[in-house]
Protein backbone atom coordinates (compact mmCIF):
# COMPACT_ATOMS: atom_id res chain seq x y z
CA MET A 1 -6.40 -7.13 -16.86
CA LYS A 2 -8.69 -10.23 -14.89
CA ILE A 3 -5.50 -12.67 -14.56
CA ARG A 4 -3.02 -10.24 -13.22
CA SER A 5 -3.08 -11.20 -9.93
CA ILE A 6 -2.76 -14.79 -10.83
CA ILE A 7 -0.03 -13.95 -12.80
CA THR A 8 1.94 -11.87 -10.62
CA ILE A 9 1.50 -14.80 -7.80
CA VAL A 10 2.83 -17.25 -10.19
CA ALA A 11 5.64 -15.13 -11.15
CA LEU A 12 7.36 -14.65 -7.71
CA LEU A 13 7.35 -18.38 -7.32
CA THR A 14 9.84 -18.57 -10.50
CA LEU A 15 11.25 -16.48 -13.12
CA CYS A 16 11.50 -18.79 -15.96
CA PRO A 17 9.36 -17.40 -18.56
CA LYS A 18 6.17 -18.48 -17.00
CA GLN A 19 3.51 -18.82 -19.73
CA VAL A 20 0.09 -18.57 -18.85
CA GLU A 21 -2.26 -20.33 -21.07
CA ALA A 22 -5.68 -20.11 -21.89
CA VAL A 23 -8.59 -22.85 -23.13
CA ASN A 24 -10.36 -22.08 -26.50
CA ASP A 25 -13.66 -23.71 -25.82
CA SER A 26 -14.29 -24.49 -29.44
CA THR A 27 -11.67 -25.95 -30.56
CA ASN A 28 -9.70 -27.00 -26.78
CA VAL A 29 -6.56 -25.73 -28.14
CA GLN A 30 -3.91 -24.17 -25.91
CA SER A 31 -2.56 -20.60 -26.51
CA ILE A 32 -0.22 -18.41 -24.83
CA VAL A 33 -1.85 -14.89 -23.79
CA ASP A 34 0.40 -13.85 -21.61
CA GLU A 35 4.42 -13.87 -19.58
CA VAL A 36 5.93 -12.23 -17.13
CA ILE A 37 9.18 -10.73 -18.85
CA TRP A 38 10.77 -8.98 -15.25
CA VAL A 39 9.99 -8.56 -11.56
CA VAL A 40 10.65 -5.68 -9.58
CA GLY A 41 10.38 -5.78 -5.84
CA ASP A 42 7.00 -7.54 -5.38
CA GLU A 43 5.83 -5.99 -8.72
CA ALA A 44 5.74 -8.57 -11.97
CA ILE A 45 5.94 -6.53 -15.50
CA LEU A 46 4.07 -8.61 -17.75
CA LYS A 47 4.58 -9.00 -21.73
CA SER A 48 0.84 -7.16 -22.24
CA ASP A 49 2.36 -4.40 -20.45
CA VAL A 50 5.01 -3.70 -22.66
CA GLU A 51 2.87 -3.66 -25.74
CA SER A 52 0.53 -1.65 -24.45
CA MET A 53 3.29 0.94 -23.69
CA ARG A 54 4.38 0.49 -27.29
CA LEU A 55 1.07 0.98 -28.87
CA GLN A 56 0.32 3.65 -26.87
CA ALA A 57 3.71 5.27 -27.83
CA GLN A 58 2.93 4.72 -31.52
CA GLN A 59 -0.69 6.45 -31.15
CA GLU A 60 1.11 9.54 -29.49
CA GLY A 61 3.93 9.87 -31.92
CA LEU A 62 6.86 9.30 -29.16
CA ARG A 63 9.82 7.88 -30.00
CA TRP A 64 12.47 5.86 -27.66
CA ASN A 65 16.06 6.31 -26.75
CA GLY A 66 17.79 3.18 -28.13
CA ASP A 67 15.82 0.02 -28.47
CA PRO A 68 12.34 -0.31 -27.75
CA ASP A 69 12.50 -3.97 -26.57
CA CYS A 70 14.72 -2.68 -24.34
CA ALA A 71 13.63 0.48 -23.02
CA ILE A 72 10.31 -0.14 -22.65
CA PRO A 73 10.16 -2.61 -19.96
CA GLU A 74 13.17 -0.78 -18.40
CA GLN A 75 10.86 2.68 -18.12
CA ILE A 76 7.88 0.16 -16.43
CA ALA A 77 10.40 -1.09 -13.88
CA VAL A 78 11.55 2.56 -13.31
CA GLN A 79 8.01 3.46 -13.07
CA LYS A 80 7.70 0.79 -10.23
CA LEU A 81 10.51 1.68 -8.18
CA TYR A 82 8.84 5.52 -8.08
CA LEU A 83 5.86 4.00 -6.83
CA HIS A 84 7.05 1.86 -4.49
CA GLN A 85 8.75 4.70 -2.81
CA ALA A 86 5.47 6.90 -3.31
CA ALA A 87 3.80 4.21 -1.20
CA ILE A 88 6.51 4.52 1.38
CA ASP A 89 6.87 8.33 1.51
CA SER A 90 3.02 8.91 1.57
CA ILE A 91 2.71 10.86 -1.50
CA GLU A 92 -0.91 11.21 -2.95
CA VAL A 93 -2.53 12.24 -6.08
CA THR A 94 -6.31 13.53 -5.27
CA GLU A 95 -9.57 11.97 -6.98
CA ALA A 96 -10.22 15.50 -8.37
CA GLU A 97 -6.48 15.85 -10.17
CA ILE A 98 -7.11 12.11 -11.29
CA THR A 99 -10.47 12.90 -12.95
CA GLU A 100 -9.75 16.43 -14.19
CA GLY A 101 -6.60 15.20 -16.04
CA ILE A 102 -8.42 11.93 -17.43
CA GLU A 103 -11.17 14.84 -18.83
CA GLN A 104 -8.09 16.77 -20.42
CA GLN A 105 -6.57 13.81 -22.11
CA ILE A 106 -10.15 12.61 -23.41
CA GLU A 107 -10.47 15.77 -24.96
CA TYR A 108 -7.08 15.96 -26.43
CA MET A 109 -8.28 12.26 -27.92
CA ILE A 110 -11.43 13.49 -29.46
CA SER A 111 -9.49 16.94 -30.71
CA VAL A 112 -7.27 14.38 -32.57
CA ILE A 113 -10.10 11.73 -33.91
CA GLY A 114 -12.48 14.27 -34.39
CA SER A 115 -15.55 13.20 -32.05
CA ARG A 116 -16.62 11.10 -28.79
CA GLU A 117 -18.36 8.53 -31.22
CA LYS A 118 -15.32 8.19 -33.63
CA LEU A 119 -13.28 7.78 -30.20
CA GLU A 120 -15.78 4.97 -29.21
CA GLU A 121 -15.68 3.08 -32.30
CA TYR A 122 -12.12 3.33 -32.60
CA HIS A 123 -11.55 1.56 -29.28
CA LYS A 124 -14.53 -0.20 -29.56
CA LYS A 125 -15.33 0.92 -25.97
CA ASN A 126 -17.84 3.55 -24.69
CA MET A 127 -16.62 6.48 -22.54
CA SER A 128 -17.16 5.12 -19.46
CA GLN A 129 -15.39 2.32 -20.20
CA ILE A 130 -12.35 4.23 -21.80
CA ARG A 131 -12.46 6.53 -18.82
CA ASN A 132 -11.78 3.94 -16.58
CA GLU A 133 -8.98 2.09 -18.45
CA LEU A 134 -7.48 5.61 -18.16
CA ARG A 135 -7.88 5.82 -14.62
CA GLU A 136 -5.26 3.76 -13.28
CA SER A 137 -2.34 4.51 -15.67
CA TYR A 138 -3.09 8.12 -15.23
CA ARG A 139 -2.95 7.59 -11.38
CA GLU A 140 0.47 6.12 -11.58
CA ARG A 141 1.97 8.53 -13.90
CA GLN A 142 0.98 11.32 -11.42
CA MET A 143 1.97 9.44 -8.75
CA VAL A 144 5.58 9.26 -10.35
CA GLN A 145 5.87 12.62 -11.32
CA GLU A 146 4.96 14.01 -7.61
CA MET A 147 7.70 11.48 -6.25
CA GLN A 148 10.09 13.05 -8.82
CA ARG A 149 9.29 16.44 -7.67
CA HIS A 150 9.47 15.09 -4.40
CA LEU A 151 12.71 13.84 -4.73
CA VAL A 152 14.23 17.03 -6.41
CA LYS A 153 12.47 19.94 -4.44
CA ASP A 154 15.45 20.92 -2.28
CA ILE A 155 17.89 21.23 -5.36
CA SER A 156 19.26 24.93 -6.39
CA VAL A 157 21.90 26.40 -8.18
CA THR A 158 23.80 29.61 -7.53
CA PRO A 159 24.96 31.84 -10.44
CA ALA A 160 28.56 30.55 -9.77
CA ASP A 161 27.47 27.27 -10.81
CA VAL A 162 25.91 28.81 -14.10
CA ARG A 163 28.90 30.45 -15.14
CA ARG A 164 30.71 27.31 -14.26
CA TYR A 165 28.56 24.99 -16.11
CA PHE A 166 28.69 27.24 -19.43
CA SER A 167 32.39 28.04 -19.50
CA ASN A 168 32.68 24.17 -19.74
CA LEU A 169 30.41 24.08 -22.68
CA PRO A 170 30.91 23.79 -26.25
CA GLN A 171 29.67 26.66 -27.95
CA ASP A 172 27.71 24.29 -30.17
CA SER A 173 26.01 22.90 -27.01
CA VAL A 174 24.74 26.57 -25.51
CA PRO A 175 21.07 26.67 -25.95
CA PHE A 176 19.12 28.81 -28.41
CA VAL A 177 16.75 31.10 -26.97
CA PRO A 178 13.66 31.39 -29.09
CA THR A 179 11.87 35.01 -30.11
CA GLU A 180 10.83 36.51 -26.83
CA VAL A 181 8.43 39.05 -26.22
CA GLU A 182 6.92 41.58 -23.58
CA VAL A 183 3.62 42.92 -23.84
CA GLN A 184 1.33 45.55 -22.04
CA ILE A 185 -2.38 45.34 -22.48
CA ILE A 186 -5.55 47.35 -21.45
CA ALA A 187 -8.89 45.60 -21.53
CA GLN A 188 -12.16 46.44 -21.43
CA THR A 189 -15.08 44.18 -19.87
CA PRO A 190 -18.07 44.76 -21.98
CA ARG A 191 -21.12 45.68 -19.54
CA ILE A 192 -23.62 42.72 -19.56
CA GLU A 193 -27.27 43.72 -19.40
CA LEU A 194 -29.50 43.12 -16.36
CA GLU A 195 -32.23 41.17 -17.93
CA GLU A 196 -29.47 38.56 -18.87
CA ILE A 197 -27.80 38.42 -14.96
CA ASN A 198 -31.38 38.18 -13.84
CA ARG A 199 -32.08 35.32 -16.47
CA VAL A 200 -28.85 33.34 -15.04
CA LYS A 201 -30.09 33.86 -11.30
CA ASP A 202 -33.27 32.46 -12.07
CA GLU A 203 -31.80 29.58 -13.64
CA LEU A 204 -29.83 28.85 -10.53
CA ARG A 205 -33.01 29.05 -8.16
CA ASP A 206 -35.08 26.71 -10.19
CA TYR A 207 -31.80 24.38 -10.09
CA THR A 208 -32.06 25.26 -5.98
CA ASP A 209 -35.64 24.51 -6.01
CA ARG A 210 -35.78 21.20 -8.09
CA VAL A 211 -33.13 19.50 -5.96
CA ASN A 212 -34.89 20.57 -2.41
CA ARG A 213 -38.22 19.27 -4.09
CA GLY A 214 -36.33 15.97 -4.56
CA GLU A 215 -37.01 15.86 -7.98
CA THR A 216 -33.29 15.39 -8.98
CA SER A 217 -29.53 15.86 -7.79
CA PHE A 218 -27.38 18.76 -7.32
CA GLN A 219 -25.03 16.15 -9.40
CA THR A 220 -27.07 15.65 -11.98
CA LEU A 221 -27.98 19.24 -12.79
CA ALA A 222 -24.36 20.19 -12.58
CA ARG A 223 -23.32 17.84 -15.04
CA MET A 224 -26.12 19.10 -17.37
CA TYR A 225 -25.88 22.54 -16.58
CA SER A 226 -22.66 23.64 -15.07
CA GLU A 227 -20.56 25.67 -16.87
CA ASP A 228 -17.42 25.02 -15.38
CA PRO A 229 -15.75 22.28 -17.71
CA GLY A 230 -12.97 20.83 -14.81
CA THR A 231 -15.98 20.07 -12.56
CA ALA A 232 -19.30 19.90 -14.58
CA ARG A 233 -17.94 16.23 -15.24
CA ARG A 234 -17.60 14.86 -11.54
CA GLY A 235 -20.81 16.83 -10.38
CA GLY A 236 -19.70 20.01 -9.72
CA GLU A 237 -17.00 18.47 -7.18
CA LEU A 238 -14.15 20.40 -6.38
CA GLY A 239 -12.33 18.53 -4.10
CA TYR A 240 -10.59 19.37 -1.24
CA THR A 241 -9.25 22.73 -1.57
CA GLY A 242 -7.62 25.46 0.63
CA ARG A 243 -8.97 29.10 1.14
CA GLY A 244 -6.20 31.01 -0.70
CA THR A 245 -6.75 29.04 -3.92
CA LEU A 246 -10.61 29.85 -4.31
CA ASP A 247 -12.23 33.27 -5.73
CA PRO A 248 -12.45 35.18 -2.30
CA ALA A 249 -16.64 35.86 -2.86
CA PHE A 250 -16.72 32.01 -3.31
CA ALA A 251 -14.80 31.01 -0.40
CA ASN A 252 -16.34 33.22 2.06
CA VAL A 253 -20.07 30.87 1.18
CA ALA A 254 -18.06 28.05 0.72
CA PHE A 255 -15.98 27.97 4.16
CA ASN A 256 -19.24 28.94 5.76
CA LEU A 257 -21.38 26.18 4.68
CA THR A 258 -22.50 23.82 7.37
CA ASP A 259 -25.41 21.46 6.15
CA PRO A 260 -25.03 19.18 3.26
CA LYS A 261 -28.37 19.28 2.67
CA LYS A 262 -28.54 23.16 2.05
CA ILE A 263 -27.30 25.03 -0.85
CA SER A 264 -26.15 28.45 -0.84
CA LYS A 265 -27.26 31.08 -2.08
CA ILE A 266 -26.37 32.63 -5.32
CA VAL A 267 -23.01 33.54 -5.16
CA GLU A 268 -21.22 36.21 -7.61
CA SER A 269 -17.15 35.59 -8.50
CA GLU A 270 -15.02 36.70 -10.82
CA PHE A 271 -16.25 33.25 -12.76
CA GLY A 272 -19.93 34.19 -13.32
CA PHE A 273 -22.58 32.95 -10.72
CA HIS A 274 -22.84 29.93 -8.47
CA ILE A 275 -25.04 27.94 -5.99
CA ILE A 276 -22.53 25.74 -3.76
CA GLN A 277 -23.28 22.64 -1.87
CA LEU A 278 -21.05 21.45 1.02
CA ILE A 279 -19.47 17.61 0.65
CA ASP A 280 -17.16 18.10 3.90
CA LYS A 281 -14.84 19.71 5.45
CA ARG A 282 -11.25 18.57 6.69
CA GLY A 283 -8.84 20.83 8.32
CA ASP A 284 -8.21 24.27 6.52
CA LYS A 285 -9.51 22.57 3.43
CA VAL A 286 -13.12 22.00 2.13
CA ASN A 287 -14.39 20.06 -0.47
CA VAL A 288 -17.99 21.16 -2.07
CA ARG A 289 -19.66 20.96 -5.09
CA HIS A 290 -20.87 23.84 -7.15
CA ILE A 291 -23.16 24.83 -10.57
CA LEU A 292 -21.49 27.75 -12.23
CA ARG A 293 -23.65 29.84 -14.84
CA LYS A 294 -22.37 32.67 -17.21
CA PRO A 295 -24.26 35.51 -17.98
CA VAL A 296 -24.18 35.87 -22.20
CA VAL A 297 -22.56 39.16 -23.29
CA SER A 298 -24.44 40.92 -25.97
CA GLN A 299 -22.63 41.47 -29.48
CA GLU A 300 -24.00 45.62 -28.64
CA ALA A 301 -22.14 45.83 -25.69
CA ILE A 302 -18.72 43.76 -27.31
CA ASP A 303 -19.16 46.76 -29.57
CA LYS A 304 -19.56 49.51 -27.32
CA SER A 305 -16.36 47.94 -25.51
CA LEU A 306 -14.26 48.23 -28.80
CA SER A 307 -15.39 51.50 -29.86
CA ARG A 308 -14.22 52.84 -26.72
CA LEU A 309 -10.70 50.84 -26.53
CA ASP A 310 -10.59 52.23 -30.31
CA SER A 311 -11.13 55.73 -28.80
CA ILE A 312 -8.61 55.29 -25.81
CA ARG A 313 -5.96 54.01 -28.77
CA ALA A 314 -6.59 56.99 -30.79
CA ASP A 315 -5.82 59.09 -27.50
CA ILE A 316 -2.52 57.76 -26.86
CA LEU A 317 -1.44 57.30 -29.91
CA GLU A 318 -2.06 61.86 -29.84
CA GLY A 319 -0.33 61.95 -26.81
CA LYS A 320 -3.02 62.61 -24.65
CA PHE A 321 -1.67 60.26 -22.11
CA SER A 322 0.56 57.06 -22.28
CA PHE A 323 -0.49 53.56 -22.54
CA GLU A 324 0.91 53.17 -19.12
CA ILE A 325 -1.24 55.65 -17.83
CA GLY A 326 -4.68 53.85 -19.76
CA ALA A 327 -3.37 50.76 -18.49
CA THR A 328 -2.96 51.96 -14.83
CA HIS A 329 -6.41 53.90 -14.78
CA ILE A 330 -8.61 52.82 -17.63
CA SER A 331 -7.83 48.83 -17.85
CA ASP A 332 -10.09 46.81 -16.08
CA ASP A 333 -7.67 43.95 -16.05
CA LYS A 334 -6.54 43.65 -12.37
CA ASP A 335 -3.66 41.20 -13.03
CA THR A 336 -1.62 43.87 -15.16
CA ARG A 337 -3.06 47.22 -13.89
CA SER A 338 -0.90 47.60 -11.33
CA ASN A 339 1.92 46.51 -13.38
CA ASN A 340 1.76 49.43 -15.91
CA GLY A 341 -0.36 46.78 -18.27
CA LEU A 342 2.50 44.38 -18.44
CA MET A 343 1.79 40.67 -18.53
CA THR A 344 3.11 38.13 -16.31
CA ASN A 345 4.33 34.58 -17.45
CA VAL A 346 3.94 32.42 -14.40
CA LYS A 347 5.77 28.85 -15.47
CA GLU A 348 6.76 26.04 -12.98
CA ASN A 349 3.29 26.01 -11.09
CA GLY A 350 3.90 29.75 -9.78
CA ARG A 351 7.72 29.48 -8.92
CA VAL A 352 8.98 31.44 -11.71
CA ARG A 353 7.44 34.75 -12.94
CA THR A 354 8.71 37.19 -15.76
CA SER A 355 7.23 39.48 -18.18
CA ARG A 356 8.87 37.50 -21.18
CA PHE A 357 6.72 35.49 -23.63
CA GLN A 358 7.59 33.28 -26.19
CA LEU A 359 4.78 33.58 -28.63
CA GLN A 360 3.32 30.48 -28.06
CA ASP A 361 2.27 31.03 -24.50
CA LEU A 362 0.97 34.18 -25.04
CA PRO A 363 -3.07 33.84 -25.41
CA PRO A 364 -3.62 33.13 -29.45
CA GLU A 365 -5.72 36.21 -29.89
CA VAL A 366 -2.74 38.31 -28.36
CA ALA A 367 -0.12 36.68 -30.03
CA ARG A 368 -1.89 37.23 -33.32
CA ALA A 369 -2.41 40.73 -32.25
CA VAL A 370 1.48 41.72 -31.43
CA ASP A 371 3.07 39.25 -34.02
CA ALA A 372 3.02 41.72 -36.82
CA LEU A 373 3.78 45.01 -34.34
CA LYS A 374 6.96 46.77 -34.21
CA VAL A 375 8.22 47.59 -30.78
CA GLY A 376 6.13 50.19 -29.44
CA GLU A 377 3.53 49.95 -31.65
CA ILE A 378 -0.14 49.63 -30.55
CA SER A 379 -2.93 47.01 -31.97
CA ALA A 380 -6.13 47.21 -32.91
CA PRO A 381 -8.99 46.22 -30.34
CA PHE A 382 -10.07 42.74 -30.30
CA GLN A 383 -11.99 40.61 -28.34
CA MET A 384 -10.65 37.11 -26.60
CA ILE A 385 -11.71 34.94 -23.39
CA ASN A 386 -9.45 35.55 -20.28
CA GLU A 387 -8.16 32.67 -18.44
CA ARG A 388 -11.10 32.95 -16.15
CA GLY A 389 -13.54 32.32 -18.98
CA LYS A 390 -14.73 36.17 -19.68
CA THR A 391 -15.36 37.80 -22.73
CA VAL A 392 -13.18 40.98 -22.90
CA CYS A 393 -11.89 43.59 -25.33
CA VAL A 394 -8.15 44.75 -25.42
CA ILE A 395 -5.64 46.40 -27.19
CA ALA A 396 -1.97 45.36 -26.81
CA LYS A 397 1.23 47.11 -27.23
CA LEU A 398 4.49 45.18 -28.10
CA LYS A 399 6.88 46.61 -25.47
CA SER A 400 10.11 44.66 -26.11
CA ARG A 401 11.13 41.97 -28.80
CA THR A 402 14.39 40.12 -28.37
CA GLU A 403 14.72 37.45 -31.57
CA GLY A 404 16.07 34.12 -31.28
CA HIS A 405 19.24 33.69 -30.13
CA LYS A 406 22.43 32.01 -28.42
CA ALA A 407 21.68 32.22 -24.88
CA THR A 408 24.63 34.53 -23.07
CA ILE A 409 24.72 35.08 -19.56
CA THR A 410 23.65 38.92 -19.37
CA GLU A 411 20.59 38.47 -20.86
CA ASP A 412 19.36 35.13 -20.29
CA PHE A 413 20.47 34.12 -17.09
CA GLN A 414 17.11 32.67 -15.99
CA VAL A 415 17.41 30.70 -19.26
CA MET A 416 20.32 29.38 -18.88
CA LYS A 417 19.76 28.85 -14.87
CA ASP A 418 17.12 26.70 -15.81
CA VAL A 419 19.20 24.45 -18.13
CA VAL A 420 21.64 24.00 -15.11
CA LEU A 421 18.98 23.45 -12.59
CA GLU A 422 17.20 20.61 -14.99
CA LYS A 423 20.58 18.91 -15.27
CA ARG A 424 21.18 18.56 -11.66
CA ARG A 425 17.70 17.61 -11.32
CA GLU A 426 18.02 14.56 -13.86
CA GLN A 427 21.33 13.98 -12.05
CA LYS A 428 19.62 13.61 -8.96
CA LEU A 429 16.69 11.20 -10.28
CA HIS A 430 19.82 9.17 -12.13
CA GLU A 431 21.37 8.51 -9.37
CA TRP A 432 18.01 7.96 -6.83
CA VAL A 433 17.38 4.95 -9.45
CA VAL A 434 20.96 3.20 -9.49
CA ASN A 435 20.80 3.30 -5.74
CA LYS A 436 16.90 2.13 -5.56
CA ILE A 437 18.02 -0.78 -8.18
CA LYS A 438 20.63 -1.95 -5.65
CA SER A 439 18.52 -2.14 -2.68
CA THR A 440 15.56 -4.10 -4.77
CA TYR A 441 14.99 -7.54 -5.55
CA VAL A 442 15.36 -7.49 -9.40
CA ARG A 443 14.90 -10.69 -11.95
CA VAL A 444 15.13 -10.02 -15.71
CA ASN A 445 14.53 -12.59 -18.24
CA ASP A 446 17.55 -13.89 -20.15
CA ARG A 447 16.67 -12.74 -23.55
CA TYR A 448 17.21 -8.99 -22.08
CA ARG A 449 20.77 -9.79 -20.68
CA ASP A 450 22.18 -7.95 -24.03
CA CYS A 451 20.32 -4.66 -23.71
CA GLN A 452 21.70 -1.80 -23.67
CA PHE A 453 19.86 -0.22 -20.30
CA GLU A 454 19.88 3.38 -19.16
CA TYR A 455 20.22 2.55 -15.33
CA GLN A 456 23.06 0.02 -14.34
CA GLY A 457 22.20 -2.60 -11.93
CA TRP A 458 19.27 -4.40 -13.65
CA ILE A 459 21.18 -7.33 -14.52
CA LYS A 460 22.38 -9.12 -11.09
């Protein structure tokens, strides 16, 4: 809010419940609009901050541990401790990450409320205003999460730690492992007609010509036409990115661009066809903007792929070859064909890889296909959109199914290890906050002195 800086300065002078007054021009009657309730370091926590978080929690269906009147300001105070340390340790979150996160948040809000128009009507603001209001709070949340990850990055547990932890745990506290499955797939990518590919390329050439003639900007065309939802809203900009995280064909062109005024030739990647424009290079990272166009797959091509998979399935069932052989030599899915078609569940930002999935972690089409199968059975062919945004046709085999059960060391070591690791991380973060409170100036309004806080040391 506009008066935040004024309130903060006043709060540092005295912590008696400082009330900021506003004058109503029509009645000349004074009314209280805000109040400082805590000070943490050189940061004030306002009553309006608490009410805003309370309202947001209500909208998202969140519940607080303990009394919300005590828990909410404490959570805000803890966040300020993390943010202060993040500034000291130079923890950063890129603008690209913030923008992408905000768009995901807005898309979720739209899915709940029904439409963009209803969202604007509910908040009595346009989409640009909503994005601006979300930006700072989202950035702070991401900074806190990055700081927490930084603090616990070196924590590890051994098998002995896991056994020791669970040997002392009551049986009713042992975690329940939901039903898990292992799934193999054979995929076929429907063939795209040459005429359709040429249509997409002609569109991209037209975009290049329009920018070169000065009729419009690359950013405007990206917002209007790019089929990469993660970057289109920010004019096609990727943000500073390393070579290893990009499609190889895309990276080869992006890293060889030298003139920001020129647009690349058309590039084909796993995602479709692109044109690319350089923004900047910084060390081993490049920042470019791009426009992605995806050729449309015809229903005839989809039907042909489904028919071929139906024949492959019939051959496997007749014993002509195994599903594993088919996955290795016939499947178009490069992520699974070198592993006999076995799908891999990648968790914790790539740090954990397993073949086990809970059904909700599978692509919805795959989950529906295998849910009714018995172990060893093969689904009928179906189509889906893969993680690269392409239409593919698939048959799936249920390799194994482990029904929900209490975790055991022999069958669920990774699950139990994750439990212990999470406990260690929580303990580390709790201790860090308590120690940080000891070394930080904190003043709390008297009304909170009887609160049962999660962390010790707020009341001094």
